[in-house]
Amino acid sequence: MEADVLKLPGTQMPYVETYPVTTENCRPLADWLLSKHVARWMDYGNGKQDISELQLSMILISQRNYARLFRIPGESEPLGIFCLNSVDNAMNHAEVWAARNHLNRQRRSGSYRHATASAAVQILADGFLDLNLKVISSWAVECNRNSIQLHDAVGMRQTGILRKRHVIDGKRYNRICYDITLEEFGERYPDVVSGKKNTYRNSYRNQTQ
């Protein structure tokens, strides 16, 4: 029932549980993150889409990055993952990427049809309110309709196009660039709670009055 689903505070989205990637839970992620179904949309650095399990674990567990899995409360298998790259950037900027676990057959419609958007908002909150980021950017391949819809749903703004930047099965596609600033996040999600229990309203109230 819709009424039984806990909402993410400050939104009408369903609450989903986010939790860190560890050495213990990292190994099973390779089964879907490194599959061709997912890897074709990715760029793991320098244009690479085919990397080893060790390289993947180094990316996800690195202190320079901030990776979080997400799942429906009470379930054990993740629905997907979000990762902020280079959170130690001297200019307080990071790039976020995400992937859905296509091997997870849990219900994604009905009450939890916006589960991925909910996780996205939570990772943005962590980045802005806990990690002191000022701008978070991202991109989507032009033919990836789900990714484009997700960026639009959470309020990221299109900033440009990287032409012919992505390759899938030998064919080149554009990448659509997006970003969102701390202030834009705060205007849209003033009461969303971060992992460390911060909100934009409480953290920046004195600065905006």
Protein backbone atom coordinates (compact mmCIF):
# COMPACT_ATOMS: atom_id res chain seq x y z
CA MET A 1 0.00 0.00 0.00
CA GLU A 2 1.22 3.51 -0.84
CA ALA A 3 0.42 4.74 2.67
CA ASP A 4 2.75 2.11 4.17
CA VAL A 5 5.83 3.37 2.29
CA LEU A 6 8.08 5.69 4.28
CA LYS A 7 8.84 8.92 2.44
CA LEU A 8 12.25 10.53 2.12
CA PRO A 9 11.94 13.59 4.41
CA GLY A 10 11.40 16.77 2.44
CA THR A 11 10.15 14.93 -0.66
CA GLN A 12 7.32 12.75 -1.94
CA MET A 13 9.81 10.07 -2.97
CA PRO A 14 9.98 6.71 -1.21
CA TYR A 15 12.74 6.36 1.34
CA VAL A 16 15.47 3.92 0.31
CA GLU A 17 18.35 2.78 2.46
CA THR A 18 21.82 3.85 1.36
CA TYR A 19 24.90 2.16 2.76
CA PRO A 20 28.66 2.16 2.06
CA VAL A 21 30.62 -0.15 -0.17
CA THR A 22 33.03 -2.27 1.86
CA THR A 23 35.59 -4.95 1.18
CA GLU A 24 32.96 -7.47 2.30
CA ASN A 25 30.14 -6.43 -0.05
CA CYS A 26 32.25 -5.25 -2.99
CA ARG A 27 32.92 -8.64 -4.61
CA PRO A 28 29.31 -9.43 -5.66
CA LEU A 29 28.98 -6.01 -7.30
CA ALA A 30 31.25 -7.08 -10.14
CA ASP A 31 28.62 -9.53 -11.37
CA TRP A 32 26.45 -6.65 -12.56
CA LEU A 33 28.69 -3.55 -12.61
CA LEU A 34 31.19 -5.18 -14.96
CA SER A 35 28.57 -6.85 -17.17
CA LYS A 36 28.21 -5.52 -20.70
CA HIS A 37 24.62 -4.52 -19.90
CA VAL A 38 25.95 -1.90 -17.45
CA ALA A 39 29.51 -1.28 -18.61
CA ARG A 40 28.44 0.06 -22.03
CA TRP A 41 27.08 3.17 -20.32
CA MET A 42 30.12 3.69 -18.12
CA ASP A 43 33.51 5.36 -18.26
CA TYR A 44 35.75 4.07 -15.49
CA GLY A 45 38.51 6.49 -16.40
CA ASN A 46 40.31 7.34 -19.64
CA GLY A 47 37.39 5.93 -21.62
CA LYS A 48 37.72 2.42 -20.14
CA GLN A 49 34.62 0.27 -19.89
CA ASP A 50 36.33 -3.08 -19.36
CA ILE A 51 38.19 -3.18 -16.04
CA SER A 52 39.10 -5.91 -13.57
CA GLU A 53 37.37 -6.70 -10.29
CA LEU A 54 40.42 -5.36 -8.45
CA GLN A 55 40.30 -2.07 -10.36
CA LEU A 56 36.59 -1.77 -9.60
CA SER A 57 37.12 -2.34 -5.89
CA MET A 58 39.91 0.25 -5.83
CA ILE A 59 37.53 2.82 -7.34
CA LEU A 60 34.67 2.08 -4.98
CA ILE A 61 36.66 1.82 -1.75
CA SER A 62 39.09 4.67 -2.44
CA GLN A 63 38.97 7.47 0.13
CA ARG A 64 38.94 9.93 -2.77
CA ASN A 65 35.53 8.63 -3.83
CA TYR A 66 32.22 8.29 -1.99
CA ALA A 67 30.25 5.22 -3.06
CA ARG A 68 26.87 4.20 -1.69
CA LEU A 69 24.65 1.23 -2.52
CA PHE A 70 20.90 1.58 -2.14
CA ARG A 71 18.11 -0.88 -1.44
CA ILE A 72 14.49 -1.10 -0.38
CA PRO A 73 14.31 -1.11 3.43
CA GLY A 74 14.19 -4.65 4.72
CA GLU A 75 15.74 -6.14 1.59
CA SER A 76 19.28 -7.46 1.31
CA GLU A 77 20.11 -7.03 -2.38
CA PRO A 78 21.01 -3.57 -3.71
CA LEU A 79 18.91 -1.91 -6.38
CA GLY A 80 21.97 -0.01 -7.57
CA ILE A 81 24.88 2.23 -6.70
CA PHE A 82 25.83 5.91 -6.72
CA CYS A 83 29.38 7.20 -6.53
CA LEU A 84 30.85 10.68 -6.15
CA ASN A 85 34.30 10.81 -7.74
CA SER A 86 37.14 12.95 -6.35
CA VAL A 87 35.36 14.35 -3.30
CA ASP A 88 38.72 15.79 -2.16
CA ASN A 89 38.73 18.22 -5.11
CA ALA A 90 40.32 21.53 -4.05
CA MET A 91 37.52 23.48 -5.75
CA ASN A 92 34.79 21.48 -3.98
CA HIS A 93 33.51 19.79 -7.13
CA ALA A 94 32.74 16.13 -7.73
CA GLU A 95 31.26 14.08 -10.54
CA VAL A 96 28.49 11.63 -9.72
CA TRP A 97 27.71 8.42 -11.58
CA ALA A 98 25.22 5.65 -11.00
CA ALA A 99 24.28 2.17 -12.15
CA ARG A 100 21.22 0.01 -11.60
CA ASN A 101 21.50 -3.63 -10.62
CA HIS A 102 19.71 -5.33 -13.51
CA LEU A 103 20.12 -8.70 -11.76
CA ASN A 104 17.87 -7.57 -8.92
CA ARG A 105 14.31 -8.58 -9.75
CA GLN A 106 12.72 -6.72 -6.86
CA ARG A 107 9.71 -4.55 -7.63
CA ARG A 108 10.68 -1.18 -9.14
CA SER A 109 7.17 -0.05 -10.00
CA GLY A 110 4.31 1.10 -7.83
CA SER A 111 5.37 2.62 -4.53
CA TYR A 112 9.09 2.30 -5.32
CA ARG A 113 9.09 3.50 -8.90
CA HIS A 114 11.12 6.57 -7.82
CA ALA A 115 13.61 4.61 -5.71
CA THR A 116 16.60 5.53 -7.87
CA ALA A 117 15.71 9.24 -7.80
CA SER A 118 15.41 9.02 -4.01
CA ALA A 119 18.89 7.52 -3.76
CA ALA A 120 20.21 10.23 -6.09
CA VAL A 121 18.83 12.98 -3.87
CA GLN A 122 20.39 11.33 -0.83
CA ILE A 123 23.84 11.11 -2.44
CA LEU A 124 23.57 14.77 -3.45
CA ALA A 125 22.65 15.66 0.13
CA ASP A 126 25.68 13.77 1.44
CA GLY A 127 27.93 15.50 -1.08
CA PHE A 128 26.71 19.01 -0.38
CA LEU A 129 25.94 18.85 3.34
CA ASP A 130 28.50 16.36 4.67
CA LEU A 131 31.40 16.59 2.20
CA ASN A 132 31.29 20.37 1.64
CA LEU A 133 30.88 20.17 -2.12
CA LYS A 134 29.67 23.28 -3.95
CA VAL A 135 28.83 21.79 -7.33
CA ILE A 136 28.19 18.24 -8.56
CA SER A 137 28.26 17.36 -12.24
CA SER A 138 27.33 14.35 -14.32
CA TRP A 139 26.60 13.19 -17.85
CA ALA A 140 24.30 10.82 -19.70
CA VAL A 141 24.68 9.11 -23.05
CA GLU A 142 22.16 10.63 -25.45
CA CYS A 143 20.42 7.28 -26.09
CA ASN A 144 20.11 6.39 -22.40
CA ARG A 145 16.55 7.53 -21.78
CA ASN A 146 16.44 6.30 -18.18
CA SER A 147 19.56 8.26 -17.25
CA ILE A 148 18.26 11.44 -18.89
CA GLN A 149 14.93 11.11 -17.06
CA LEU A 150 16.76 10.60 -13.75
CA HIS A 151 18.85 13.75 -14.18
CA ASP A 152 15.73 15.75 -14.99
CA ALA A 153 13.76 14.23 -12.10
CA VAL A 154 16.26 15.27 -9.42
CA GLY A 155 16.70 18.79 -10.78
CA MET A 156 20.13 18.66 -12.42
CA ARG A 157 20.48 21.21 -15.20
CA GLN A 158 21.74 20.48 -18.69
CA THR A 159 24.90 22.48 -19.32
CA GLY A 160 26.12 21.28 -22.70
CA ILE A 161 27.00 18.38 -24.97
CA LEU A 162 30.23 16.49 -25.48
CA ARG A 163 29.89 15.51 -29.11
CA LYS A 164 30.69 11.94 -30.18
CA ARG A 165 32.34 11.35 -26.79
CA HIS A 166 30.91 7.92 -26.00
CA VAL A 167 31.30 4.62 -27.84
CA ILE A 168 28.94 1.65 -27.68
CA ASP A 169 29.53 -1.33 -29.97
CA GLY A 170 31.71 0.77 -32.24
CA LYS A 171 29.13 3.54 -32.67
CA ARG A 172 29.71 7.05 -31.33
CA TYR A 173 27.16 8.98 -29.26
CA ASN A 174 27.00 12.37 -27.62
CA ARG A 175 27.20 12.81 -23.87
CA ILE A 176 24.73 15.26 -22.34
CA CYS A 177 26.32 17.19 -19.47
CA TYR A 178 24.52 18.17 -16.27
CA ASP A 179 25.29 19.85 -12.98
CA ILE A 180 23.65 21.18 -9.83
CA THR A 181 24.99 23.73 -7.34
CA LEU A 182 24.68 23.76 -3.57
CA GLU A 183 22.23 26.66 -3.76
CA GLU A 184 20.05 24.95 -6.37
CA PHE A 185 19.98 21.82 -4.25
CA GLY A 186 18.98 23.84 -1.19
CA GLU A 187 16.19 25.61 -3.02
CA ARG A 188 14.72 22.32 -4.21
CA TYR A 189 15.48 20.12 -1.18
CA PRO A 190 15.83 22.32 1.94
CA ASP A 191 14.67 19.58 4.33
CA VAL A 192 16.29 16.46 2.90
CA VAL A 193 18.46 14.90 5.60
CA SER A 194 22.03 13.85 4.81
CA GLY A 195 23.80 10.79 6.16
CA LYS A 196 25.18 12.90 9.02
CA LYS A 197 21.72 14.31 9.77
CA ASN A 198 22.30 17.74 8.21
CA THR A 199 19.77 19.68 6.15
CA TYR A 200 20.32 22.66 3.92
CA ARG A 201 17.80 24.66 5.93
CA ASN A 202 19.68 24.10 9.18
CA SER A 203 23.20 24.24 7.79
CA TYR A 204 22.81 27.38 5.67
CA ARG A 205 19.85 29.14 7.28
CA ASN A 206 21.89 32.06 8.63
CA GLN A 207 23.65 32.58 5.30
CA THR A 208 20.39 32.82 3.33
CA GLN A 209 18.45 35.07 5.68
